[in-house]
Amino acid sequence: MIYLLVFLGGGLGSLLRFLIGKASVQLFFTNFPMGTFLSNMMACILLAFFVVILDEKSSEYEWIHPLFIVGFCGGFSTFSTFGNETFQLLNSGNHLVAILNILISVLLGVGLIYFVRIRG
């Protein structure tokens, strides 16, 4: 059952990431990889939220970890796309945007998890 939960969560997270990527191209006209950034930041917030729920009621909601933390958040966030888009920015001479992508993504992502877990 755990494998099915991971599979379902991962599929839904990947689909949502794909849709956000497509929508961001239509909404934002920038060199900054906004779709990947938004997906990763939302995944950080959701992951922290689900971890807080698990800390409080781990025995009641043990299905949350495989479905949402491993599956959904794992499929929704994407380090490989972040790395590839950052490389493409560097390779095309957009060094400042690439550096901003790295700094903002890492600092804000960790900061969001910290904020949600401390406030949770």
PDB file of N, CA and C in Angstrom:
ATOM      1  N   MET A   1       0.821  -1.194   0.000  1.00  0.00           N
ATOM      2  CA  MET A   1       0.000   0.000   0.000  1.00  0.00           C
ATOM      3  C   MET A   1       0.871   1.268   0.000  1.00  0.00           C
ATOM      4  N   ILE A   2       2.013   1.194   0.687  1.00  0.00           N
ATOM      5  CA  ILE A   2       2.905   2.361   0.751  1.00  0.00           C
ATOM      6  C   ILE A   2       3.394   2.736  -0.642  1.00  0.00           C
ATOM      7  N   TYR A   3       3.741   1.750  -1.459  1.00  0.00           N
ATOM      8  CA  TYR A   3       4.234   2.032  -2.812  1.00  0.00           C
ATOM      9  C   TYR A   3       3.164   2.710  -3.660  1.00  0.00           C
ATOM     10  N   LEU A   4       1.931   2.294  -3.488  1.00  0.00           N
ATOM     11  CA  LEU A   4       0.829   2.907  -4.224  1.00  0.00           C
ATOM     12  C   LEU A   4       0.641   4.364  -3.804  1.00  0.00           C
ATOM     13  N   LEU A   5       0.760   4.631  -2.515  1.00  0.00           N
ATOM     14  CA  LEU A   5       0.629   6.003  -2.020  1.00  0.00           C
ATOM     15  C   LEU A   5       1.736   6.901  -2.583  1.00  0.00           C
ATOM     16  N   VAL A   6       2.967   6.403  -2.592  1.00  0.00           N
ATOM     17  CA  VAL A   6       4.088   7.165  -3.160  1.00  0.00           C
ATOM     18  C   VAL A   6       3.851   7.402  -4.646  1.00  0.00           C
ATOM     19  N   PHE A   7       3.414   6.381  -5.351  1.00  0.00           N
ATOM     20  CA  PHE A   7       3.151   6.467  -6.784  1.00  0.00           C
ATOM     21  C   PHE A   7       2.069   7.513  -7.081  1.00  0.00           C
ATOM     22  N   LEU A   8       0.969   7.447  -6.365  1.00  0.00           N
ATOM     23  CA  LEU A   8      -0.129   8.396  -6.592  1.00  0.00           C
ATOM     24  C   LEU A   8       0.289   9.824  -6.252  1.00  0.00           C
ATOM     25  N   GLY A   9       0.931   9.998  -5.108  1.00  0.00           N
ATOM     26  CA  GLY A   9       1.381  11.327  -4.711  1.00  0.00           C
ATOM     27  C   GLY A   9       2.388  11.903  -5.687  1.00  0.00           C
ATOM     28  N   GLY A  10       3.353  11.090  -6.114  1.00  0.00           N
ATOM     29  CA  GLY A  10       4.369  11.543  -7.066  1.00  0.00           C
ATOM     30  C   GLY A  10       3.767  11.940  -8.399  1.00  0.00           C
ATOM     31  N   GLY A  11       2.812  11.174  -8.872  1.00  0.00           N
ATOM     32  CA  GLY A  11       2.149  11.503 -10.128  1.00  0.00           C
ATOM     33  C   GLY A  11       1.383  12.810 -10.047  1.00  0.00           C
ATOM     34  N   LEU A  12       0.654  13.002  -8.966  1.00  0.00           N
ATOM     35  CA  LEU A  12      -0.104  14.245  -8.799  1.00  0.00           C
ATOM     36  C   LEU A  12       0.819  15.451  -8.647  1.00  0.00           C
ATOM     37  N   GLY A  13       1.899  15.280  -7.892  1.00  0.00           N
ATOM     38  CA  GLY A  13       2.856  16.370  -7.720  1.00  0.00           C
ATOM     39  C   GLY A  13       3.534  16.733  -9.033  1.00  0.00           C
ATOM     40  N   SER A  14       3.912  15.734  -9.813  1.00  0.00           N
ATOM     41  CA  SER A  14       4.551  15.984 -11.108  1.00  0.00           C
ATOM     42  C   SER A  14       3.594  16.666 -12.072  1.00  0.00           C
ATOM     43  N   LEU A  15       2.356  16.245 -12.070  1.00  0.00           N
ATOM     44  CA  LEU A  15       1.357  16.867 -12.939  1.00  0.00           C
ATOM     45  C   LEU A  15       1.155  18.335 -12.562  1.00  0.00           C
ATOM     46  N   LEU A  16       1.044  18.620 -11.278  1.00  0.00           N
ATOM     47  CA  LEU A  16       0.868  20.007 -10.844  1.00  0.00           C
ATOM     48  C   LEU A  16       2.096  20.849 -11.198  1.00  0.00           C
ATOM     49  N   ARG A  17       3.295  20.281 -11.037  1.00  0.00           N
ATOM     50  CA  ARG A  17       4.515  21.007 -11.414  1.00  0.00           C
ATOM     51  C   ARG A  17       4.516  21.319 -12.906  1.00  0.00           C
ATOM     52  N   PHE A  18       4.106  20.366 -13.726  1.00  0.00           N
ATOM     53  CA  PHE A  18       4.021  20.561 -15.166  1.00  0.00           C
ATOM     54  C   PHE A  18       3.043  21.691 -15.499  1.00  0.00           C
ATOM     55  N   LEU A  19       1.874  21.688 -14.857  1.00  0.00           N
ATOM     56  CA  LEU A  19       0.863  22.722 -15.120  1.00  0.00           C
ATOM     57  C   LEU A  19       1.328  24.108 -14.676  1.00  0.00           C
ATOM     58  N   ILE A  20       1.996  24.168 -13.547  1.00  0.00           N
ATOM     59  CA  ILE A  20       2.535  25.451 -13.075  1.00  0.00           C
ATOM     60  C   ILE A  20       3.610  25.949 -14.032  1.00  0.00           C
ATOM     61  N   GLY A  21       4.445  25.053 -14.532  1.00  0.00           N
ATOM     62  CA  GLY A  21       5.468  25.436 -15.505  1.00  0.00           C
ATOM     63  C   GLY A  21       4.858  26.008 -16.772  1.00  0.00           C
ATOM     64  N   LYS A  22       3.814  25.355 -17.280  1.00  0.00           N
ATOM     65  CA  LYS A  22       3.138  25.839 -18.486  1.00  0.00           C
ATOM     66  C   LYS A  22       2.468  27.186 -18.233  1.00  0.00           C
ATOM     67  N   ALA A  23       1.809  27.337 -17.096  1.00  0.00           N
ATOM     68  CA  ALA A  23       1.123  28.591 -16.780  1.00  0.00           C
ATOM     69  C   ALA A  23       2.118  29.725 -16.572  1.00  0.00           C
ATOM     70  N   SER A  24       3.252  29.436 -15.964  1.00  0.00           N
ATOM     71  CA  SER A  24       4.225  30.497 -15.679  1.00  0.00           C
ATOM     72  C   SER A  24       4.816  31.073 -16.960  1.00  0.00           C
ATOM     73  N   VAL A  25       4.948  30.255 -17.989  1.00  0.00           N
ATOM     74  CA  VAL A  25       5.451  30.753 -19.273  1.00  0.00           C
ATOM     75  C   VAL A  25       4.470  31.779 -19.850  1.00  0.00           C
ATOM     76  N   GLN A  26       3.184  31.541 -19.644  1.00  0.00           N
ATOM     77  CA  GLN A  26       2.161  32.453 -20.142  1.00  0.00           C
ATOM     78  C   GLN A  26       2.039  33.722 -19.293  1.00  0.00           C
ATOM     79  N   LEU A  27       2.313  33.610 -17.999  1.00  0.00           N
ATOM     80  CA  LEU A  27       2.105  34.726 -17.077  1.00  0.00           C
ATOM     81  C   LEU A  27       3.326  35.610 -16.868  1.00  0.00           C
ATOM     82  N   PHE A  28       4.509  35.020 -16.910  1.00  0.00           N
ATOM     83  CA  PHE A  28       5.728  35.759 -16.593  1.00  0.00           C
ATOM     84  C   PHE A  28       6.649  35.803 -17.804  1.00  0.00           C
ATOM     85  N   PHE A  29       7.054  36.971 -18.183  1.00  0.00           N
ATOM     86  CA  PHE A  29       7.966  37.155 -19.311  1.00  0.00           C
ATOM     87  C   PHE A  29       9.331  37.542 -18.760  1.00  0.00           C
ATOM     88  N   THR A  30      10.104  36.518 -18.394  1.00  0.00           N
ATOM     89  CA  THR A  30      11.384  36.750 -17.744  1.00  0.00           C
ATOM     90  C   THR A  30      12.347  35.610 -18.063  1.00  0.00           C
ATOM     91  N   ASN A  31      13.630  35.876 -17.896  1.00  0.00           N
ATOM     92  CA  ASN A  31      14.637  34.818 -18.023  1.00  0.00           C
ATOM     93  C   ASN A  31      14.657  33.924 -16.791  1.00  0.00           C
ATOM     94  N   PHE A  32      14.132  34.421 -15.699  1.00  0.00           N
ATOM     95  CA  PHE A  32      14.127  33.671 -14.440  1.00  0.00           C
ATOM     96  C   PHE A  32      13.195  32.463 -14.578  1.00  0.00           C
ATOM     97  N   PRO A  33      13.639  31.273 -14.173  1.00  0.00           N
ATOM     98  CA  PRO A  33      12.808  30.062 -14.296  1.00  0.00           C
ATOM     99  C   PRO A  33      11.686  30.035 -13.251  1.00  0.00           C
ATOM    100  N   MET A  34      10.679  30.843 -13.474  1.00  0.00           N
ATOM    101  CA  MET A  34       9.626  31.074 -12.490  1.00  0.00           C
ATOM    102  C   MET A  34       8.808  29.819 -12.168  1.00  0.00           C
ATOM    103  N   GLY A  35       8.504  28.979 -13.162  1.00  0.00           N
ATOM    104  CA  GLY A  35       7.708  27.781 -12.901  1.00  0.00           C
ATOM    105  C   GLY A  35       8.382  26.834 -11.922  1.00  0.00           C
ATOM    106  N   THR A  36       9.652  26.563 -12.149  1.00  0.00           N
ATOM    107  CA  THR A  36      10.413  25.691 -11.251  1.00  0.00           C
ATOM    108  C   THR A  36      10.538  26.328  -9.876  1.00  0.00           C
ATOM    109  N   PHE A  37      10.825  27.626  -9.850  1.00  0.00           N
ATOM    110  CA  PHE A  37      10.948  28.342  -8.577  1.00  0.00           C
ATOM    111  C   PHE A  37       9.651  28.249  -7.774  1.00  0.00           C
ATOM    112  N   LEU A  38       8.519  28.555  -8.397  1.00  0.00           N
ATOM    113  CA  LEU A  38       7.234  28.521  -7.685  1.00  0.00           C
ATOM    114  C   LEU A  38       6.911  27.110  -7.190  1.00  0.00           C
ATOM    115  N   SER A  39       7.126  26.112  -8.035  1.00  0.00           N
ATOM    116  CA  SER A  39       6.856  24.733  -7.625  1.00  0.00           C
ATOM    117  C   SER A  39       7.726  24.331  -6.430  1.00  0.00           C
ATOM    118  N   ASN A  40       9.011  24.663  -6.498  1.00  0.00           N
ATOM    119  CA  ASN A  40       9.914  24.298  -5.408  1.00  0.00           C
ATOM    120  C   ASN A  40       9.560  25.012  -4.104  1.00  0.00           C
ATOM    121  N   MET A  41       9.191  26.290  -4.179  1.00  0.00           N
ATOM    122  CA  MET A  41       8.843  27.030  -2.963  1.00  0.00           C
ATOM    123  C   MET A  41       7.537  26.510  -2.360  1.00  0.00           C
ATOM    124  N   MET A  42       6.556  26.236  -3.208  1.00  0.00           N
ATOM    125  CA  MET A  42       5.288  25.683  -2.700  1.00  0.00           C
ATOM    126  C   MET A  42       5.516  24.296  -2.110  1.00  0.00           C
ATOM    127  N   ALA A  43       6.390  23.508  -2.723  1.00  0.00           N
ATOM    128  CA  ALA A  43       6.699  22.181  -2.188  1.00  0.00           C
ATOM    129  C   ALA A  43       7.373  22.284  -0.823  1.00  0.00           C
ATOM    130  N   CYS A  44       8.242  23.283  -0.637  1.00  0.00           N
ATOM    131  CA  CYS A  44       8.880  23.486   0.671  1.00  0.00           C
ATOM    132  C   CYS A  44       7.835  23.805   1.741  1.00  0.00           C
ATOM    133  N   ILE A  45       6.906  24.687   1.415  1.00  0.00           N
ATOM    134  CA  ILE A  45       5.851  25.052   2.372  1.00  0.00           C
ATOM    135  C   ILE A  45       5.001  23.832   2.712  1.00  0.00           C
ATOM    136  N   LEU A  46       4.564  23.103   1.694  1.00  0.00           N
ATOM    137  CA  LEU A  46       3.724  21.930   1.928  1.00  0.00           C
ATOM    138  C   LEU A  46       4.457  20.848   2.710  1.00  0.00           C
ATOM    139  N   LEU A  47       5.713  20.601   2.360  1.00  0.00           N
ATOM    140  CA  LEU A  47       6.488  19.595   3.068  1.00  0.00           C
ATOM    141  C   LEU A  47       6.592  19.938   4.555  1.00  0.00           C
ATOM    142  N   ALA A  48       6.916  21.175   4.848  1.00  0.00           N
ATOM    143  CA  ALA A  48       7.025  21.593   6.251  1.00  0.00           C
ATOM    144  C   ALA A  48       5.685  21.451   6.969  1.00  0.00           C
ATOM    145  N   PHE A  49       4.612  21.814   6.294  1.00  0.00           N
ATOM    146  CA  PHE A  49       3.271  21.684   6.873  1.00  0.00           C
ATOM    147  C   PHE A  49       2.962  20.221   7.200  1.00  0.00           C
ATOM    148  N   PHE A  50       3.254  19.316   6.269  1.00  0.00           N
ATOM    149  CA  PHE A  50       2.982  17.894   6.504  1.00  0.00           C
ATOM    150  C   PHE A  50       3.882  17.322   7.596  1.00  0.00           C
ATOM    151  N   VAL A  51       5.113  17.789   7.699  1.00  0.00           N
ATOM    152  CA  VAL A  51       6.004  17.340   8.769  1.00  0.00           C
ATOM    153  C   VAL A  51       5.456  17.768  10.121  1.00  0.00           C
ATOM    154  N   VAL A  52       4.927  18.981  10.210  1.00  0.00           N
ATOM    155  CA  VAL A  52       4.328  19.454  11.455  1.00  0.00           C
ATOM    156  C   VAL A  52       3.140  18.574  11.836  1.00  0.00           C
ATOM    157  N   ILE A  53       2.307  18.230  10.855  1.00  0.00           N
ATOM    158  CA  ILE A  53       1.165  17.348  11.130  1.00  0.00           C
ATOM    159  C   ILE A  53       1.656  15.999  11.640  1.00  0.00           C
ATOM    160  N   LEU A  54       2.688  15.455  11.001  1.00  0.00           N
ATOM    161  CA  LEU A  54       3.206  14.151  11.419  1.00  0.00           C
ATOM    162  C   LEU A  54       3.795  14.184  12.815  1.00  0.00           C
ATOM    163  N   ASP A  55       4.465  15.286  13.168  1.00  0.00           N
ATOM    164  CA  ASP A  55       5.050  15.395  14.500  1.00  0.00           C
ATOM    165  C   ASP A  55       3.973  15.335  15.578  1.00  0.00           C
ATOM    166  N   GLU A  56       2.834  15.924  15.276  1.00  0.00           N
ATOM    167  CA  GLU A  56       1.766  15.995  16.279  1.00  0.00           C
ATOM    168  C   GLU A  56       0.946  14.712  16.357  1.00  0.00           C
ATOM    169  N   LYS A  57       0.653  14.110  15.211  1.00  0.00           N
ATOM    170  CA  LYS A  57      -0.252  12.963  15.184  1.00  0.00           C
ATOM    171  C   LYS A  57       0.290  11.868  14.273  1.00  0.00           C
ATOM    172  N   SER A  58       1.500  11.440  14.532  1.00  0.00           N
ATOM    173  CA  SER A  58       2.165  10.504  13.619  1.00  0.00           C
ATOM    174  C   SER A  58       1.437   9.168  13.498  1.00  0.00           C
ATOM    175  N   SER A  59       0.885   8.649  14.562  1.00  0.00           N
ATOM    176  CA  SER A  59       0.239   7.338  14.472  1.00  0.00           C
ATOM    177  C   SER A  59      -1.103   7.408  13.750  1.00  0.00           C
ATOM    178  N   GLU A  60      -1.813   8.512  13.874  1.00  0.00           N
ATOM    179  CA  GLU A  60      -3.116   8.656  13.219  1.00  0.00           C
ATOM    180  C   GLU A  60      -2.986   8.883  11.716  1.00  0.00           C
ATOM    181  N   TYR A  61      -1.929   9.538  11.295  1.00  0.00           N
ATOM    182  CA  TYR A  61      -1.785   9.943   9.899  1.00  0.00           C
ATOM    183  C   TYR A  61      -0.501   9.397   9.269  1.00  0.00           C
ATOM    184  N   GLU A  62      -0.207   8.135   9.495  1.00  0.00           N
ATOM    185  CA  GLU A  62       1.039   7.582   8.962  1.00  0.00           C
ATOM    186  C   GLU A  62       1.025   7.479   7.439  1.00  0.00           C
ATOM    187  N   TRP A  63      -0.132   7.575   6.801  1.00  0.00           N
ATOM    188  CA  TRP A  63      -0.239   7.569   5.339  1.00  0.00           C
ATOM    189  C   TRP A  63       0.211   8.894   4.727  1.00  0.00           C
ATOM    190  N   ILE A  64       0.301   9.959   5.541  1.00  0.00           N
ATOM    191  CA  ILE A  64       0.707  11.275   5.027  1.00  0.00           C
ATOM    192  C   ILE A  64       2.141  11.235   4.506  1.00  0.00           C
ATOM    193  N   HIS A  65       3.028  10.572   5.213  1.00  0.00           N
ATOM    194  CA  HIS A  65       4.444  10.552   4.814  1.00  0.00           C
ATOM    195  C   HIS A  65       4.639   9.981   3.413  1.00  0.00           C
ATOM    196  N   PRO A  66       4.171   8.760   3.116  1.00  0.00           N
ATOM    197  CA  PRO A  66       4.398   8.258   1.764  1.00  0.00           C
ATOM    198  C   PRO A  66       3.608   9.004   0.683  1.00  0.00           C
ATOM    199  N   LEU A  67       2.398   9.416   0.981  1.00  0.00           N
ATOM    200  CA  LEU A  67       1.572  10.074  -0.028  1.00  0.00           C
ATOM    201  C   LEU A  67       2.011  11.505  -0.298  1.00  0.00           C
ATOM    202  N   PHE A  68       2.164  12.294   0.751  1.00  0.00           N
ATOM    203  CA  PHE A  68       2.415  13.723   0.568  1.00  0.00           C
ATOM    204  C   PHE A  68       3.888  14.121   0.653  1.00  0.00           C
ATOM    205  N   ILE A  69       4.608  13.636   1.656  1.00  0.00           N
ATOM    206  CA  ILE A  69       5.998  14.075   1.834  1.00  0.00           C
ATOM    207  C   ILE A  69       6.894  13.436   0.774  1.00  0.00           C
ATOM    208  N   VAL A  70       6.877  12.118   0.663  1.00  0.00           N
ATOM    209  CA  VAL A  70       7.731  11.440  -0.312  1.00  0.00           C
ATOM    210  C   VAL A  70       7.158  11.587  -1.721  1.00  0.00           C
ATOM    211  N   GLY A  71       5.888  11.261  -1.893  1.00  0.00           N
ATOM    212  CA  GLY A  71       5.276  11.249  -3.216  1.00  0.00           C
ATOM    213  C   GLY A  71       4.989  12.630  -3.777  1.00  0.00           C
ATOM    214  N   PHE A  72       4.018  13.325  -3.194  1.00  0.00           N
ATOM    215  CA  PHE A  72       3.568  14.596  -3.760  1.00  0.00           C
ATOM    216  C   PHE A  72       4.670  15.653  -3.753  1.00  0.00           C
ATOM    217  N   CYS A  73       5.271  15.906  -2.597  1.00  0.00           N
ATOM    218  CA  CYS A  73       6.321  16.935  -2.531  1.00  0.00           C
ATOM    219  C   CYS A  73       7.545  16.536  -3.348  1.00  0.00           C
ATOM    220  N   GLY A  74       7.853  15.244  -3.394  1.00  0.00           N
ATOM    221  CA  GLY A  74       8.967  14.779  -4.217  1.00  0.00           C
ATOM    222  C   GLY A  74       8.708  14.990  -5.701  1.00  0.00           C
ATOM    223  N   GLY A  75       7.476  14.750  -6.141  1.00  0.00           N
ATOM    224  CA  GLY A  75       7.131  14.961  -7.542  1.00  0.00           C
ATOM    225  C   GLY A  75       6.920  16.420  -7.887  1.00  0.00           C
ATOM    226  N   PHE A  76       6.470  17.186  -6.915  1.00  0.00           N
ATOM    227  CA  PHE A  76       6.152  18.596  -7.129  1.00  0.00           C
ATOM    228  C   PHE A  76       7.412  19.454  -7.186  1.00  0.00           C
ATOM    229  N   SER A  77       8.405  19.116  -6.389  1.00  0.00           N
ATOM    230  CA  SER A  77       9.660  19.871  -6.406  1.00  0.00           C
ATOM    231  C   SER A  77      10.625  19.184  -7.368  1.00  0.00           C
ATOM    232  N   THR A  78      11.627  19.925  -7.827  1.00  0.00           N
ATOM    233  CA  THR A  78      12.538  19.330  -8.795  1.00  0.00           C
ATOM    234  C   THR A  78      13.909  19.969  -8.739  1.00  0.00           C
ATOM    235  N   PHE A  79      14.853  19.248  -8.169  1.00  0.00           N
ATOM    236  CA  PHE A  79      16.218  19.762  -8.104  1.00  0.00           C
ATOM    237  C   PHE A  79      16.922  19.627  -9.448  1.00  0.00           C
ATOM    238  N   SER A  80      16.614  18.573 -10.177  1.00  0.00           N
ATOM    239  CA  SER A  80      17.286  18.370 -11.465  1.00  0.00           C
ATOM    240  C   SER A  80      16.927  19.471 -12.455  1.00  0.00           C
ATOM    241  N   THR A  81      15.662  19.874 -12.500  1.00  0.00           N
ATOM    242  CA  THR A  81      15.268  20.962 -13.401  1.00  0.00           C
ATOM    243  C   THR A  81      15.882  22.274 -12.931  1.00  0.00           C
ATOM    244  N   PHE A  82      15.914  22.496 -11.636  1.00  0.00           N
ATOM    245  CA  PHE A  82      16.554  23.687 -11.071  1.00  0.00           C
ATOM    246  C   PHE A  82      18.018  23.737 -11.506  1.00  0.00           C
ATOM    247  N   GLY A  83      18.718  22.611 -11.391  1.00  0.00           N
ATOM    248  CA  GLY A  83      20.122  22.563 -11.797  1.00  0.00           C
ATOM    249  C   GLY A  83      20.305  22.797 -13.285  1.00  0.00           C
ATOM    250  N   ASN A  84      19.464  22.189 -14.093  1.00  0.00           N
ATOM    251  CA  ASN A  84      19.574  22.348 -15.542  1.00  0.00           C
ATOM    252  C   ASN A  84      19.254  23.780 -15.982  1.00  0.00           C
ATOM    253  N   GLU A  85      18.202  24.362 -15.418  1.00  0.00           N
ATOM    254  CA  GLU A  85      17.850  25.737 -15.785  1.00  0.00           C
ATOM    255  C   GLU A  85      18.928  26.724 -15.343  1.00  0.00           C
ATOM    256  N   THR A  86      19.520  26.479 -14.199  1.00  0.00           N
ATOM    257  CA  THR A  86      20.610  27.338 -13.737  1.00  0.00           C
ATOM    258  C   THR A  86      21.815  27.204 -14.665  1.00  0.00           C
ATOM    259  N   PHE A  87      22.125  25.981 -15.080  1.00  0.00           N
ATOM    260  CA  PHE A  87      23.215  25.779 -16.036  1.00  0.00           C
ATOM    261  C   PHE A  87      22.927  26.502 -17.351  1.00  0.00           C
ATOM    262  N   GLN A  88      21.702  26.411 -17.834  1.00  0.00           N
ATOM    263  CA  GLN A  88      21.334  27.088 -19.080  1.00  0.00           C
ATOM    264  C   GLN A  88      21.493  28.604 -18.954  1.00  0.00           C
ATOM    265  N   LEU A  89      21.129  29.143 -17.808  1.00  0.00           N
ATOM    266  CA  LEU A  89      21.310  30.579 -17.581  1.00  0.00           C
ATOM    267  C   LEU A  89      22.795  30.941 -17.623  1.00  0.00           C
ATOM    268  N   LEU A  90      23.626  30.158 -16.964  1.00  0.00           N
ATOM    269  CA  LEU A  90      25.068  30.404 -16.971  1.00  0.00           C
ATOM    270  C   LEU A  90      25.636  30.275 -18.377  1.00  0.00           C
ATOM    271  N   ASN A  91      25.229  29.252 -19.068  1.00  0.00           N
ATOM    272  CA  ASN A  91      25.735  28.976 -20.404  1.00  0.00           C
ATOM    273  C   ASN A  91      25.339  30.061 -21.411  1.00  0.00           C
ATOM    274  N   SER A  92      24.195  30.702 -21.187  1.00  0.00           N
ATOM    275  CA  SER A  92      23.741  31.748 -22.105  1.00  0.00           C
ATOM    276  C   SER A  92      24.227  33.137 -21.694  1.00  0.00           C
ATOM    277  N   GLY A  93      25.049  33.205 -20.643  1.00  0.00           N
ATOM    278  CA  GLY A  93      25.610  34.483 -20.222  1.00  0.00           C
ATOM    279  C   GLY A  93      24.783  35.242 -19.212  1.00  0.00           C
ATOM    280  N   ASN A  94      23.696  34.650 -18.734  1.00  0.00           N
ATOM    281  CA  ASN A  94      22.846  35.296 -17.723  1.00  0.00           C
ATOM    282  C   ASN A  94      23.349  34.956 -16.318  1.00  0.00           C
ATOM    283  N   HIS A  95      24.594  35.360 -16.041  1.00  0.00           N
ATOM    284  CA  HIS A  95      25.237  34.982 -14.777  1.00  0.00           C
ATOM    285  C   HIS A  95      24.516  35.548 -13.558  1.00  0.00           C
ATOM    286  N   LEU A  96      24.092  36.778 -13.627  1.00  0.00           N
ATOM    287  CA  LEU A  96      23.410  37.393 -12.484  1.00  0.00           C
ATOM    288  C   LEU A  96      22.092  36.680 -12.180  1.00  0.00           C
ATOM    289  N   VAL A  97      21.308  36.385 -13.222  1.00  0.00           N
ATOM    290  CA  VAL A  97      20.038  35.679 -13.023  1.00  0.00           C
ATOM    291  C   VAL A  97      20.293  34.282 -12.460  1.00  0.00           C
ATOM    292  N   ALA A  98      21.342  33.609 -12.931  1.00  0.00           N
ATOM    293  CA  ALA A  98      21.682  32.275 -12.430  1.00  0.00           C
ATOM    294  C   ALA A  98      22.056  32.325 -10.950  1.00  0.00           C
ATOM    295  N   ILE A  99      22.862  33.282 -10.585  1.00  0.00           N
ATOM    296  CA  ILE A  99      23.267  33.423  -9.180  1.00  0.00           C
ATOM    297  C   ILE A  99      22.069  33.773  -8.308  1.00  0.00           C
ATOM    298  N   LEU A 100      21.210  34.670  -8.800  1.00  0.00           N
ATOM    299  CA  LEU A 100      19.995  35.007  -8.055  1.00  0.00           C
ATOM    300  C   LEU A 100      19.088  33.798  -7.907  1.00  0.00           C
ATOM    301  N   ASN A 101      18.994  32.993  -8.950  1.00  0.00           N
ATOM    302  CA  ASN A 101      18.185  31.781  -8.882  1.00  0.00           C
ATOM    303  C   ASN A 101      18.694  30.853  -7.786  1.00  0.00           C
ATOM    304  N   ILE A 102      19.992  30.666  -7.720  1.00  0.00           N
ATOM    305  CA  ILE A 102      20.579  29.796  -6.694  1.00  0.00           C
ATOM    306  C   ILE A 102      20.336  30.365  -5.294  1.00  0.00           C
ATOM    307  N   LEU A 103      20.688  31.623  -5.112  1.00  0.00           N
ATOM    308  CA  LEU A 103      20.569  32.230  -3.783  1.00  0.00           C
ATOM    309  C   LEU A 103      19.124  32.310  -3.302  1.00  0.00           C
ATOM    310  N   ILE A 104      18.254  32.819  -4.159  1.00  0.00           N
ATOM    311  CA  ILE A 104      16.858  32.984  -3.754  1.00  0.00           C
ATOM    312  C   ILE A 104      16.208  31.626  -3.510  1.00  0.00           C
ATOM    313  N   SER A 105      16.432  30.674  -4.402  1.00  0.00           N
ATOM    314  CA  SER A 105      15.807  29.353  -4.259  1.00  0.00           C
ATOM    315  C   SER A 105      16.249  28.651  -2.983  1.00  0.00           C
ATOM    316  N   VAL A 106      17.543  28.638  -2.731  1.00  0.00           N
ATOM    317  CA  VAL A 106      18.044  27.917  -1.552  1.00  0.00           C
ATOM    318  C   VAL A 106      17.660  28.645  -0.262  1.00  0.00           C
ATOM    319  N   LEU A 107      17.931  29.938  -0.208  1.00  0.00           N
ATOM    320  CA  LEU A 107      17.657  30.683   1.028  1.00  0.00           C
ATOM    321  C   LEU A 107      16.164  30.765   1.333  1.00  0.00           C
ATOM    322  N   LEU A 108      15.362  31.064   0.323  1.00  0.00           N
ATOM    323  CA  LEU A 108      13.922  31.163   0.562  1.00  0.00           C
ATOM    324  C   LEU A 108      13.320  29.784   0.840  1.00  0.00           C
ATOM    325  N   GLY A 109      13.769  28.762   0.120  1.00  0.00           N
ATOM    326  CA  GLY A 109      13.251  27.418   0.358  1.00  0.00           C
ATOM    327  C   GLY A 109      13.504  26.941   1.775  1.00  0.00           C
ATOM    328  N   VAL A 110      14.724  27.070   2.226  1.00  0.00           N
ATOM    329  CA  VAL A 110      15.057  26.673   3.607  1.00  0.00           C
ATOM    330  C   VAL A 110      14.346  27.592   4.606  1.00  0.00           C
ATOM    331  N   GLY A 111      14.293  28.872   4.294  1.00  0.00           N
ATOM    332  CA  GLY A 111      13.601  29.828   5.167  1.00  0.00           C
ATOM    333  C   GLY A 111      12.121  29.514   5.312  1.00  0.00           C
ATOM    334  N   LEU A 112      11.473  29.134   4.230  1.00  0.00           N
ATOM    335  CA  LEU A 112      10.047  28.783   4.296  1.00  0.00           C
ATOM    336  C   LEU A 112       9.821  27.553   5.160  1.00  0.00           C
ATOM    337  N   ILE A 113      10.667  26.552   4.992  1.00  0.00           N
ATOM    338  CA  ILE A 113      10.539  25.353   5.825  1.00  0.00           C
ATOM    339  C   ILE A 113      10.764  25.714   7.290  1.00  0.00           C
ATOM    340  N   TYR A 114      11.771  26.515   7.572  1.00  0.00           N
ATOM    341  CA  TYR A 114      12.054  26.945   8.939  1.00  0.00           C
ATOM    342  C   TYR A 114      10.851  27.691   9.524  1.00  0.00           C
ATOM    343  N   PHE A 115      10.328  28.641   8.778  1.00  0.00           N
ATOM    344  CA  PHE A 115       9.200  29.455   9.256  1.00  0.00           C
ATOM    345  C   PHE A 115       7.967  28.604   9.554  1.00  0.00           C
ATOM    346  N   VAL A 116       7.616  27.723   8.632  1.00  0.00           N
ATOM    347  CA  VAL A 116       6.426  26.896   8.833  1.00  0.00           C
ATOM    348  C   VAL A 116       6.622  25.935  10.000  1.00  0.00           C
ATOM    349  N   ARG A 117       7.801  25.342  10.123  1.00  0.00           N
ATOM    350  CA  ARG A 117       8.031  24.385  11.205  1.00  0.00           C
ATOM    351  C   ARG A 117       8.081  25.062  12.561  1.00  0.00           C
ATOM    352  N   ILE A 118       8.649  26.268  12.630  1.00  0.00           N
ATOM    353  CA  ILE A 118       8.715  26.999  13.899  1.00  0.00           C
ATOM    354  C   ILE A 118       7.324  27.483  14.297  1.00  0.00           C
ATOM    355  N   ARG A 119       6.568  27.961  13.320  1.00  0.00           N
ATOM    356  CA  ARG A 119       5.213  28.469  13.586  1.00  0.00           C
ATOM    357  C   ARG A 119       4.198  27.363  13.803  1.00  0.00           C
ATOM    358  N   GLY A 120       4.525  26.154  13.274  1.00  0.00           N
ATOM    359  CA  GLY A 120       3.572  25.040  13.298  1.00  0.00           C
ATOM    360  C   GLY A 120       3.307  24.549  14.659  1.00  0.00           C
TER     361      GLY A 120
END
